[in-house]
């Protein structure tokens, strides 16, 4: 029974770390938009703008 409790704790910890990493990526996406606002429009910039509305996409593009 203790093994199941430990596995549940590890699973919850992994989910929490994934959520935190996605939130950080989303914030980095917003910062990336602010930094590239005066540059020519590229595909990455359009993807970042779409990522503002679509959270998982924004979280992923924040790391690029």
Protein backbone atom coordinates (compact mmCIF):
# COMPACT_ATOMS: atom_id res chain seq x y z
CA UNK A 1 0.00 0.00 0.00
CA UNK A 2 2.89 2.38 0.73
CA UNK A 3 4.19 1.88 -2.81
CA UNK A 4 0.91 3.23 -4.21
CA UNK A 5 1.12 6.27 -1.96
CA UNK A 6 4.67 6.97 -3.11
CA UNK A 7 3.69 6.52 -6.75
CA UNK A 8 0.79 8.92 -6.28
CA UNK A 9 3.10 11.48 -4.69
CA UNK A 10 5.61 11.21 -7.53
CA UNK A 11 2.83 11.51 -10.11
CA UNK A 12 1.42 14.60 -8.41
CA UNK A 13 4.89 16.11 -8.23
CA UNK A 14 5.44 15.50 -11.95
CA UNK A 15 2.09 17.10 -12.83
CA UNK A 16 2.89 20.09 -10.65
CA UNK A 17 6.30 20.55 -12.26
CA UNK A 18 4.71 20.32 -15.73
CA UNK A 19 2.13 22.98 -14.85
CA UNK A 20 4.82 25.28 -13.45
CA UNK A 21 6.99 24.78 -16.57
CA UNK A 22 4.00 25.59 -18.81
CA UNK A 23 3.22 28.74 -16.82
CA UNK A 24 6.85 29.89 -17.08
CA UNK A 25 6.83 29.19 -20.83
CA UNK A 26 3.62 31.21 -21.23
CA UNK A 27 5.17 34.18 -19.41
CA UNK A 28 8.29 33.86 -21.57
CA UNK A 29 6.02 33.91 -24.63
CA UNK A 30 4.48 37.19 -23.50
CA UNK A 31 7.94 38.66 -22.91
CA UNK A 32 9.02 37.44 -26.36
CA UNK A 33 6.07 39.25 -27.93
CA UNK A 34 7.00 42.46 -26.16
CA UNK A 35 10.62 42.16 -27.30
CA UNK A 36 9.74 41.57 -30.95
CA UNK A 37 6.85 44.02 -31.28
CA UNK A 38 8.83 46.45 -33.48
CA UNK A 39 10.50 43.84 -35.70
CA UNK A 40 9.11 42.53 -38.99
CA UNK A 41 6.24 40.05 -38.72
CA UNK A 42 7.43 36.44 -38.94
CA UNK A 43 5.78 33.07 -38.57
CA UNK A 44 7.11 32.77 -35.03
CA UNK A 45 5.61 36.12 -34.10
CA UNK A 46 2.21 35.06 -35.44
CA UNK A 47 2.53 31.78 -33.56
CA UNK A 48 3.31 33.70 -30.37
CA UNK A 49 0.22 35.86 -30.87
CA UNK A 50 -1.94 32.76 -31.33
CA UNK A 51 -0.22 31.31 -28.25
CA UNK A 52 -1.61 34.14 -26.13
CA UNK A 53 -5.09 32.68 -26.66
CA UNK A 54 -4.09 29.01 -26.89
CA UNK A 55 -2.26 28.41 -23.60
CA UNK A 56 -0.41 25.16 -24.51
CA UNK A 57 0.93 26.66 -27.72
CA UNK A 58 2.06 29.78 -25.90
CA UNK A 59 3.73 27.70 -23.23
CA UNK A 60 5.64 25.74 -25.87
CA UNK A 61 6.64 28.74 -27.99
CA UNK A 62 7.84 30.60 -24.92
CA UNK A 63 10.91 28.40 -24.85
CA UNK A 64 11.88 29.32 -28.45
